[in-house]
Amino acid sequence: GKRPPTLLLLEHPRVITLGRKATGENLLFPESWY
């Protein structure tokens, strides 16, 4: 309760993120390749 609801807006440099459902099978290359 120390701040109101907050919307952060930004851009990222090139990055791949994998969420809770990810197993890695939808990466087309090994993690090191990225």
PDB file of all heavy atoms in Angstrom:
ATOM      1  N   GLY A   1       0.800  -1.224   0.000  1.00  0.00           N
ATOM      2  CA  GLY A   1       0.000   0.000   0.000  1.00  0.00           C
ATOM      3  C   GLY A   1       0.825   1.263   0.000  1.00  0.00           C
ATOM      4  O   GLY A   1       0.320   2.343   0.319  1.00  0.00           O
ATOM      5  N   LYS A   2       2.103   1.142  -0.387  1.00  0.00           N
ATOM      6  CA  LYS A   2       2.987   2.313  -0.371  1.00  0.00           C
ATOM      7  C   LYS A   2       2.973   3.082  -1.685  1.00  0.00           C
ATOM      8  O   LYS A   2       3.610   4.132  -1.791  1.00  0.00           O
ATOM      9  CB  LYS A   2       4.419   1.891  -0.030  1.00  0.00           C
ATOM     10  CG  LYS A   2       4.561   1.390   1.401  1.00  0.00           C
ATOM     11  CD  LYS A   2       6.012   1.174   1.766  1.00  0.00           C
ATOM     12  CE  LYS A   2       6.158   0.803   3.244  1.00  0.00           C
ATOM     13  NZ  LYS A   2       7.576   0.623   3.630  1.00  0.00           N
ATOM     14  N   ARG A   3       2.295   2.543  -2.696  1.00  0.00           N
ATOM     15  CA  ARG A   3       2.130   3.263  -3.955  1.00  0.00           C
ATOM     16  C   ARG A   3       0.839   2.790  -4.608  1.00  0.00           C
ATOM     17  O   ARG A   3       0.362   1.684  -4.337  1.00  0.00           O
ATOM     18  CB  ARG A   3       3.330   3.088  -4.882  1.00  0.00           C
ATOM     19  CG  ARG A   3       3.490   1.707  -5.475  1.00  0.00           C
ATOM     20  CD  ARG A   3       4.220   1.766  -6.799  1.00  0.00           C
ATOM     21  NE  ARG A   3       5.612   2.178  -6.721  1.00  0.00           N
ATOM     22  CZ  ARG A   3       6.249   2.757  -7.733  1.00  0.00           C
ATOM     23  NH1 ARG A   3       5.637   2.987  -8.885  1.00  0.00           N
ATOM     24  NH2 ARG A   3       7.519   3.095  -7.624  1.00  0.00           N
ATOM     25  N   PRO A   4       0.239   3.602  -5.490  1.00  0.00           N
ATOM     26  CA  PRO A   4      -0.986   3.196  -6.162  1.00  0.00           C
ATOM     27  C   PRO A   4      -0.683   2.160  -7.247  1.00  0.00           C
ATOM     28  O   PRO A   4       0.493   1.883  -7.539  1.00  0.00           O
ATOM     29  CB  PRO A   4      -1.486   4.511  -6.789  1.00  0.00           C
ATOM     30  CG  PRO A   4      -0.254   5.314  -6.994  1.00  0.00           C
ATOM     31  CD  PRO A   4       0.660   4.967  -5.848  1.00  0.00           C
ATOM     32  N   PRO A   5      -1.725   1.582  -7.852  1.00  0.00           N
ATOM     33  CA  PRO A   5      -1.484   0.730  -9.018  1.00  0.00           C
ATOM     34  C   PRO A   5      -0.558   1.455  -9.987  1.00  0.00           C
ATOM     35  O   PRO A   5      -0.685   2.674 -10.173  1.00  0.00           O
ATOM     36  CB  PRO A   5      -2.888   0.544  -9.610  1.00  0.00           C
ATOM     37  CG  PRO A   5      -3.808   0.736  -8.458  1.00  0.00           C
ATOM     38  CD  PRO A   5      -3.163   1.765  -7.588  1.00  0.00           C
ATOM     39  N   THR A   6       0.357   0.717 -10.590  1.00  0.00           N
ATOM     40  CA  THR A   6       1.402   1.347 -11.403  1.00  0.00           C
ATOM     41  C   THR A   6       1.536   0.650 -12.742  1.00  0.00           C
ATOM     42  O   THR A   6       1.546  -0.579 -12.814  1.00  0.00           O
ATOM     43  CB  THR A   6       2.755   1.294 -10.664  1.00  0.00           C
ATOM     44  OG1 THR A   6       2.642   2.018  -9.429  1.00  0.00           O
ATOM     45  CG2 THR A   6       3.864   1.906 -11.501  1.00  0.00           C
ATOM     46  N   LEU A   7       1.645   1.450 -13.796  1.00  0.00           N
ATOM     47  CA  LEU A   7       1.894   0.936 -15.145  1.00  0.00           C
ATOM     48  C   LEU A   7       3.293   1.356 -15.565  1.00  0.00           C
ATOM     49  O   LEU A   7       3.581   2.552 -15.684  1.00  0.00           O
ATOM     50  CB  LEU A   7       0.852   1.481 -16.122  1.00  0.00           C
ATOM     51  CG  LEU A   7       1.062   1.126 -17.601  1.00  0.00           C
ATOM     52  CD1 LEU A   7       0.989  -0.386 -17.815  1.00  0.00           C
ATOM     53  CD2 LEU A   7       0.046   1.853 -18.478  1.00  0.00           C
ATOM     54  N   LEU A   8       4.178   0.374 -15.754  1.00  0.00           N
ATOM     55  CA  LEU A   8       5.517   0.631 -16.266  1.00  0.00           C
ATOM     56  C   LEU A   8       5.504   0.461 -17.774  1.00  0.00           C
ATOM     57  O   LEU A   8       5.041  -0.568 -18.278  1.00  0.00           O
ATOM     58  CB  LEU A   8       6.533  -0.345 -15.647  1.00  0.00           C
ATOM     59  CG  LEU A   8       6.598  -0.408 -14.119  1.00  0.00           C
ATOM     60  CD1 LEU A   8       7.616  -1.459 -13.685  1.00  0.00           C
ATOM     61  CD2 LEU A   8       6.929   0.951 -13.522  1.00  0.00           C
ATOM     62  N   LEU A   9       5.997   1.454 -18.499  1.00  0.00           N
ATOM     63  CA  LEU A   9       6.087   1.386 -19.958  1.00  0.00           C
ATOM     64  C   LEU A   9       7.552   1.460 -20.361  1.00  0.00           C
ATOM     65  O   LEU A   9       8.295   2.318 -19.876  1.00  0.00           O
ATOM     66  CB  LEU A   9       5.318   2.545 -20.594  1.00  0.00           C
ATOM     67  CG  LEU A   9       3.803   2.553 -20.375  1.00  0.00           C
ATOM     68  CD1 LEU A   9       3.193   3.813 -20.978  1.00  0.00           C
ATOM     69  CD2 LEU A   9       3.150   1.311 -20.968  1.00  0.00           C
ATOM     70  N   LEU A  10       7.967   0.575 -21.257  1.00  0.00           N
ATOM     71  CA  LEU A  10       9.384   0.505 -21.611  1.00  0.00           C
ATOM     72  C   LEU A  10       9.592  -0.301 -22.875  1.00  0.00           C
ATOM     73  O   LEU A  10       8.655  -0.892 -23.427  1.00  0.00           O
ATOM     74  CB  LEU A  10      10.177  -0.110 -20.465  1.00  0.00           C
ATOM     75  CG  LEU A  10       9.839  -1.549 -20.070  1.00  0.00           C
ATOM     76  CD1 LEU A  10      11.038  -2.206 -19.379  1.00  0.00           C
ATOM     77  CD2 LEU A  10       8.654  -1.601 -19.111  1.00  0.00           C
ATOM     78  N   GLU A  11      10.827  -0.300 -23.334  1.00  0.00           N
ATOM     79  CA  GLU A  11      11.293  -1.195 -24.390  1.00  0.00           C
ATOM     80  C   GLU A  11      12.478  -1.975 -23.836  1.00  0.00           C
ATOM     81  O   GLU A  11      13.153  -1.514 -22.911  1.00  0.00           O
ATOM     82  CB  GLU A  11      11.730  -0.408 -25.625  1.00  0.00           C
ATOM     83  CG  GLU A  11      10.616   0.366 -26.304  1.00  0.00           C
ATOM     84  CD  GLU A  11      11.139   1.240 -27.443  1.00  0.00           C
ATOM     85  OE1 GLU A  11      11.626   0.678 -28.453  1.00  0.00           O
ATOM     86  OE2 GLU A  11      11.092   2.473 -27.308  1.00  0.00           O
ATOM     87  N   HIS A  12      12.706  -3.154 -24.396  1.00  0.00           N
ATOM     88  CA  HIS A  12      13.855  -3.962 -24.001  1.00  0.00           C
ATOM     89  C   HIS A  12      14.813  -4.137 -25.174  1.00  0.00           C
ATOM     90  O   HIS A  12      14.372  -4.201 -26.330  1.00  0.00           O
ATOM     91  CB  HIS A  12      13.409  -5.368 -23.570  1.00  0.00           C
ATOM     92  CG  HIS A  12      12.655  -5.413 -22.285  1.00  0.00           C
ATOM     93  ND1 HIS A  12      13.147  -4.877 -21.114  1.00  0.00           N
ATOM     94  CD2 HIS A  12      11.441  -5.955 -21.963  1.00  0.00           C
ATOM     95  CE1 HIS A  12      12.270  -5.080 -20.136  1.00  0.00           C
ATOM     96  NE2 HIS A  12      11.231  -5.726 -20.628  1.00  0.00           N
ATOM     97  N   PRO A  13      16.122  -4.265 -24.913  1.00  0.00           N
ATOM     98  CA  PRO A  13      17.013  -4.815 -25.936  1.00  0.00           C
ATOM     99  C   PRO A  13      16.564  -6.246 -26.260  1.00  0.00           C
ATOM    100  O   PRO A  13      15.769  -6.834 -25.526  1.00  0.00           O
ATOM    101  CB  PRO A  13      18.389  -4.801 -25.258  1.00  0.00           C
ATOM    102  CG  PRO A  13      18.252  -3.817 -24.130  1.00  0.00           C
ATOM    103  CD  PRO A  13      16.827  -3.905 -23.675  1.00  0.00           C
ATOM    104  N   ARG A  14      17.093  -6.823 -27.309  1.00  0.00           N
ATOM    105  CA  ARG A  14      16.645  -8.141 -27.794  1.00  0.00           C
ATOM    106  C   ARG A  14      16.763  -9.201 -26.686  1.00  0.00           C
ATOM    107  O   ARG A  14      17.842  -9.421 -26.134  1.00  0.00           O
ATOM    108  CB  ARG A  14      17.459  -8.571 -29.003  1.00  0.00           C
ATOM    109  CG  ARG A  14      17.309  -7.648 -30.190  1.00  0.00           C
ATOM    110  CD  ARG A  14      18.430  -7.857 -31.176  1.00  0.00           C
ATOM    111  NE  ARG A  14      18.165  -8.963 -32.077  1.00  0.00           N
ATOM    112  CZ  ARG A  14      19.116  -9.724 -32.613  1.00  0.00           C
ATOM    113  NH1 ARG A  14      20.389  -9.546 -32.287  1.00  0.00           N
ATOM    114  NH2 ARG A  14      18.796 -10.694 -33.461  1.00  0.00           N
ATOM    115  N   VAL A  15      15.627  -9.847 -26.386  1.00  0.00           N
ATOM    116  CA  VAL A  15      15.603 -10.825 -25.308  1.00  0.00           C
ATOM    117  C   VAL A  15      14.506 -11.853 -25.576  1.00  0.00           C
ATOM    118  O   VAL A  15      13.448 -11.533 -26.115  1.00  0.00           O
ATOM    119  CB  VAL A  15      15.379 -10.137 -23.939  1.00  0.00           C
ATOM    120  CG1 VAL A  15      14.066  -9.390 -23.886  1.00  0.00           C
ATOM    121  CG2 VAL A  15      15.471 -11.135 -22.792  1.00  0.00           C
ATOM    122  N   ILE A  16      14.785 -13.092 -25.219  1.00  0.00           N
ATOM    123  CA  ILE A  16      13.804 -14.178 -25.267  1.00  0.00           C
ATOM    124  C   ILE A  16      13.420 -14.498 -23.827  1.00  0.00           C
ATOM    125  O   ILE A  16      14.292 -14.674 -22.970  1.00  0.00           O
ATOM    126  CB  ILE A  16      14.407 -15.450 -25.920  1.00  0.00           C
ATOM    127  CG1 ILE A  16      14.938 -15.147 -27.329  1.00  0.00           C
ATOM    128  CG2 ILE A  16      13.389 -16.578 -25.932  1.00  0.00           C
ATOM    129  CD1 ILE A  16      13.907 -14.739 -28.332  1.00  0.00           C
ATOM    130  N   THR A  17      12.112 -14.573 -23.548  1.00  0.00           N
ATOM    131  CA  THR A  17      11.674 -14.977 -22.211  1.00  0.00           C
ATOM    132  C   THR A  17      10.760 -16.186 -22.317  1.00  0.00           C
ATOM    133  O   THR A  17       9.993 -16.322 -23.273  1.00  0.00           O
ATOM    134  CB  THR A  17      10.949 -13.839 -21.463  1.00  0.00           C
ATOM    135  OG1 THR A  17       9.681 -13.561 -22.082  1.00  0.00           O
ATOM    136  CG2 THR A  17      11.795 -12.579 -21.445  1.00  0.00           C
ATOM    137  N   LEU A  18      10.859 -17.047 -21.333  1.00  0.00           N
ATOM    138  CA  LEU A  18      10.057 -18.267 -21.284  1.00  0.00           C
ATOM    139  C   LEU A  18       9.239 -18.273 -20.000  1.00  0.00           C
ATOM    140  O   LEU A  18       9.792 -18.131 -18.910  1.00  0.00           O
ATOM    141  CB  LEU A  18      10.943 -19.514 -21.347  1.00  0.00           C
ATOM    142  CG  LEU A  18      11.761 -19.649 -22.639  1.00  0.00           C
ATOM    143  CD1 LEU A  18      13.201 -19.227 -22.390  1.00  0.00           C
ATOM    144  CD2 LEU A  18      11.706 -21.062 -23.190  1.00  0.00           C
ATOM    145  N   GLY A  19       7.919 -18.412 -20.137  1.00  0.00           N
ATOM    146  CA  GLY A  19       7.016 -18.375 -19.000  1.00  0.00           C
ATOM    147  C   GLY A  19       6.783 -19.733 -18.379  1.00  0.00           C
ATOM    148  O   GLY A  19       7.448 -20.725 -18.709  1.00  0.00           O
ATOM    149  N   ARG A  20       5.783 -19.796 -17.503  1.00  0.00           N
ATOM    150  CA  ARG A  20       5.550 -21.001 -16.697  1.00  0.00           C
ATOM    151  C   ARG A  20       5.177 -22.222 -17.530  1.00  0.00           C
ATOM    152  O   ARG A  20       5.426 -23.354 -17.115  1.00  0.00           O
ATOM    153  CB  ARG A  20       4.442 -20.732 -15.671  1.00  0.00           C
ATOM    154  CG  ARG A  20       4.819 -19.748 -14.586  1.00  0.00           C
ATOM    155  CD  ARG A  20       3.797 -19.740 -13.461  1.00  0.00           C
ATOM    156  NE  ARG A  20       2.443 -19.542 -13.919  1.00  0.00           N
ATOM    157  CZ  ARG A  20       1.854 -18.355 -14.078  1.00  0.00           C
ATOM    158  NH1 ARG A  20       2.542 -17.250 -13.822  1.00  0.00           N
ATOM    159  NH2 ARG A  20       0.611 -18.260 -14.478  1.00  0.00           N
ATOM    160  N   LYS A  21       4.558 -22.017 -18.689  1.00  0.00           N
ATOM    161  CA  LYS A  21       4.159 -23.153 -19.517  1.00  0.00           C
ATOM    162  C   LYS A  21       5.286 -23.668 -20.407  1.00  0.00           C
ATOM    163  O   LYS A  21       5.155 -24.707 -21.044  1.00  0.00           O
ATOM    164  CB  LYS A  21       2.967 -22.767 -20.395  1.00  0.00           C
ATOM    165  CG  LYS A  21       1.659 -22.582 -19.634  1.00  0.00           C
ATOM    166  CD  LYS A  21       0.515 -22.325 -20.599  1.00  0.00           C
ATOM    167  CE  LYS A  21      -0.806 -22.170 -19.844  1.00  0.00           C
ATOM    168  NZ  LYS A  21      -1.941 -21.893 -20.774  1.00  0.00           N
ATOM    169  N   ALA A  22       6.379 -22.939 -20.453  1.00  0.00           N
ATOM    170  CA  ALA A  22       7.457 -23.281 -21.381  1.00  0.00           C
ATOM    171  C   ALA A  22       8.244 -24.506 -20.911  1.00  0.00           C
ATOM    172  O   ALA A  22       8.505 -24.675 -19.719  1.00  0.00           O
ATOM    173  CB  ALA A  22       8.400 -22.099 -21.546  1.00  0.00           C
ATOM    174  N   THR A  23       8.599 -25.331 -21.876  1.00  0.00           N
ATOM    175  CA  THR A  23       9.477 -26.475 -21.620  1.00  0.00           C
ATOM    176  C   THR A  23      10.802 -26.319 -22.357  1.00  0.00           C
ATOM    177  O   THR A  23      11.740 -27.080 -22.115  1.00  0.00           O
ATOM    178  CB  THR A  23       8.819 -27.783 -22.089  1.00  0.00           C
ATOM    179  OG1 THR A  23       8.621 -27.708 -23.510  1.00  0.00           O
ATOM    180  CG2 THR A  23       7.480 -27.995 -21.397  1.00  0.00           C
ATOM    181  N   GLY A  24      10.846 -25.358 -23.261  1.00  0.00           N
ATOM    182  CA  GLY A  24      12.033 -25.181 -24.104  1.00  0.00           C
ATOM    183  C   GLY A  24      11.848 -25.760 -25.486  1.00  0.00           C
ATOM    184  O   GLY A  24      12.657 -25.503 -26.385  1.00  0.00           O
ATOM    185  N   GLU A  25      10.769 -26.529 -25.697  1.00  0.00           N
ATOM    186  CA  GLU A  25      10.574 -27.168 -26.996  1.00  0.00           C
ATOM    187  C   GLU A  25      10.282 -26.160 -28.108  1.00  0.00           C
ATOM    188  O   GLU A  25      10.443 -26.474 -29.294  1.00  0.00           O
ATOM    189  CB  GLU A  25       9.429 -28.186 -26.931  1.00  0.00           C
ATOM    190  CG  GLU A  25       8.064 -27.579 -26.656  1.00  0.00           C
ATOM    191  CD  GLU A  25       6.972 -28.640 -26.601  1.00  0.00           C
ATOM    192  OE1 GLU A  25       7.168 -29.719 -27.183  1.00  0.00           O
ATOM    193  OE2 GLU A  25       5.932 -28.380 -25.981  1.00  0.00           O
ATOM    194  N   ASN A  26       9.852 -24.944 -27.740  1.00  0.00           N
ATOM    195  CA  ASN A  26       9.550 -23.944 -28.763  1.00  0.00           C
ATOM    196  C   ASN A  26      10.702 -22.981 -29.014  1.00  0.00           C
ATOM    197  O   ASN A  26      10.548 -21.985 -29.720  1.00  0.00           O
ATOM    198  CB  ASN A  26       8.274 -23.191 -28.384  1.00  0.00           C
ATOM    199  CG  ASN A  26       7.062 -24.108 -28.466  1.00  0.00           C
ATOM    200  OD1 ASN A  26       6.873 -24.812 -29.460  1.00  0.00           O
ATOM    201  ND2 ASN A  26       6.265 -24.137 -27.419  1.00  0.00           N
ATOM    202  N   LEU A  27      11.848 -23.292 -28.431  1.00  0.00           N
ATOM    203  CA  LEU A  27      13.099 -22.658 -28.845  1.00  0.00           C
ATOM    204  C   LEU A  27      13.622 -23.435 -30.049  1.00  0.00           C
ATOM    205  O   LEU A  27      13.656 -24.668 -30.036  1.00  0.00           O
ATOM    206  CB  LEU A  27      14.137 -22.722 -27.718  1.00  0.00           C
ATOM    207  CG  LEU A  27      13.847 -21.929 -26.441  1.00  0.00           C
ATOM    208  CD1 LEU A  27      14.917 -22.239 -25.398  1.00  0.00           C
ATOM    209  CD2 LEU A  27      13.796 -20.427 -26.720  1.00  0.00           C
ATOM    210  N   LEU A  28      14.024 -22.746 -31.093  1.00  0.00           N
ATOM    211  CA  LEU A  28      14.490 -23.434 -32.298  1.00  0.00           C
ATOM    212  C   LEU A  28      15.983 -23.736 -32.265  1.00  0.00           C
ATOM    213  O   LEU A  28      16.501 -24.427 -33.147  1.00  0.00           O
ATOM    214  CB  LEU A  28      14.141 -22.599 -33.532  1.00  0.00           C
ATOM    215  CG  LEU A  28      12.643 -22.373 -33.757  1.00  0.00           C
ATOM    216  CD1 LEU A  28      12.409 -21.552 -35.020  1.00  0.00           C
ATOM    217  CD2 LEU A  28      11.894 -23.704 -33.844  1.00  0.00           C
ATOM    218  N   PHE A  29      16.659 -23.214 -31.246  1.00  0.00           N
ATOM    219  CA  PHE A  29      18.099 -23.423 -31.106  1.00  0.00           C
ATOM    220  C   PHE A  29      18.424 -23.670 -29.637  1.00  0.00           C
ATOM    221  O   PHE A  29      17.607 -23.375 -28.756  1.00  0.00           O
ATOM    222  CB  PHE A  29      18.871 -22.181 -31.603  1.00  0.00           C
ATOM    223  CG  PHE A  29      18.590 -21.815 -33.021  1.00  0.00           C
ATOM    224  CD1 PHE A  29      17.634 -20.843 -33.324  1.00  0.00           C
ATOM    225  CD2 PHE A  29      19.266 -22.433 -34.060  1.00  0.00           C
ATOM    226  CE1 PHE A  29      17.358 -20.495 -34.634  1.00  0.00           C
ATOM    227  CE2 PHE A  29      18.996 -22.090 -35.380  1.00  0.00           C
ATOM    228  CZ  PHE A  29      18.044 -21.118 -35.674  1.00  0.00           C
ATOM    229  N   PRO A  30      19.617 -24.191 -29.339  1.00  0.00           N
ATOM    230  CA  PRO A  30      20.030 -24.326 -27.937  1.00  0.00           C
ATOM    231  C   PRO A  30      20.090 -22.950 -27.263  1.00  0.00           C
ATOM    232  O   PRO A  30      20.307 -21.930 -27.933  1.00  0.00           O
ATOM    233  CB  PRO A  30      21.432 -24.946 -28.038  1.00  0.00           C
ATOM    234  CG  PRO A  30      21.487 -25.573 -29.388  1.00  0.00           C
ATOM    235  CD  PRO A  30      20.630 -24.727 -30.274  1.00  0.00           C
ATOM    236  N   GLU A  31      19.911 -22.915 -25.951  1.00  0.00           N
ATOM    237  CA  GLU A  31      19.933 -21.643 -25.228  1.00  0.00           C
ATOM    238  C   GLU A  31      21.227 -20.866 -25.493  1.00  0.00           C
ATOM    239  O   GLU A  31      21.206 -19.636 -25.615  1.00  0.00           O
ATOM    240  CB  GLU A  31      19.766 -21.879 -23.723  1.00  0.00           C
ATOM    241  CG  GLU A  31      18.370 -22.338 -23.336  1.00  0.00           C
ATOM    242  CD  GLU A  31      18.164 -22.380 -21.830  1.00  0.00           C
ATOM    243  OE1 GLU A  31      18.815 -21.571 -21.125  1.00  0.00           O
ATOM    244  OE2 GLU A  31      17.369 -23.205 -21.361  1.00  0.00           O
ATOM    245  N   SER A  32      22.334 -21.571 -25.594  1.00  0.00           N
ATOM    246  CA  SER A  32      23.612 -20.892 -25.817  1.00  0.00           C
ATOM    247  C   SER A  32      23.631 -20.146 -27.142  1.00  0.00           C
ATOM    248  O   SER A  32      24.268 -19.090 -27.269  1.00  0.00           O
ATOM    249  CB  SER A  32      24.755 -21.903 -25.770  1.00  0.00           C
ATOM    250  OG  SER A  32      24.572 -22.903 -26.769  1.00  0.00           O
ATOM    251  N   TRP A  33      22.930 -20.665 -28.149  1.00  0.00           N
ATOM    252  CA  TRP A  33      22.895 -20.007 -29.465  1.00  0.00           C
ATOM    253  C   TRP A  33      22.323 -18.599 -29.360  1.00  0.00           C
ATOM    254  O   TRP A  33      22.836 -17.667 -29.987  1.00  0.00           O
ATOM    255  CB  TRP A  33      22.057 -20.839 -30.444  1.00  0.00           C
ATOM    256  CG  TRP A  33      21.996 -20.241 -31.829  1.00  0.00           C
ATOM    257  CD1 TRP A  33      22.813 -20.521 -32.880  1.00  0.00           C
ATOM    258  CD2 TRP A  33      21.072 -19.244 -32.294  1.00  0.00           C
ATOM    259  NE1 TRP A  33      22.457 -19.767 -33.978  1.00  0.00           N
ATOM    260  CE2 TRP A  33      21.388 -18.975 -33.643  1.00  0.00           C
ATOM    261  CE3 TRP A  33      20.005 -18.559 -31.707  1.00  0.00           C
ATOM    262  CZ2 TRP A  33      20.685 -18.041 -34.422  1.00  0.00           C
ATOM    263  CZ3 TRP A  33      19.298 -17.637 -32.473  1.00  0.00           C
ATOM    264  CH2 TRP A  33      19.639 -17.377 -33.799  1.00  0.00           C
ATOM    265  N   TYR A  34      21.277 -18.440 -28.576  1.00  0.00           N
ATOM    266  CA  TYR A  34      20.644 -17.124 -28.454  1.00  0.00           C
ATOM    267  C   TYR A  34      21.609 -16.119 -27.849  1.00  0.00           C
ATOM    268  O   TYR A  34      21.741 -14.991 -28.345  1.00  0.00           O
ATOM    269  CB  TYR A  34      19.365 -17.233 -27.611  1.00  0.00           C
ATOM    270  CG  TYR A  34      18.297 -18.056 -28.302  1.00  0.00           C
ATOM    271  CD1 TYR A  34      18.184 -19.422 -28.059  1.00  0.00           C
ATOM    272  CD2 TYR A  34      17.434 -17.479 -29.220  1.00  0.00           C
ATOM    273  CE1 TYR A  34      17.236 -20.198 -28.707  1.00  0.00           C
ATOM    274  CE2 TYR A  34      16.475 -18.244 -29.879  1.00  0.00           C
ATOM    275  CZ  TYR A  34      16.387 -19.601 -29.628  1.00  0.00           C
ATOM    276  OH  TYR A  34      15.455 -20.358 -30.287  1.00  0.00           O
TER     277      TYR A  34
END
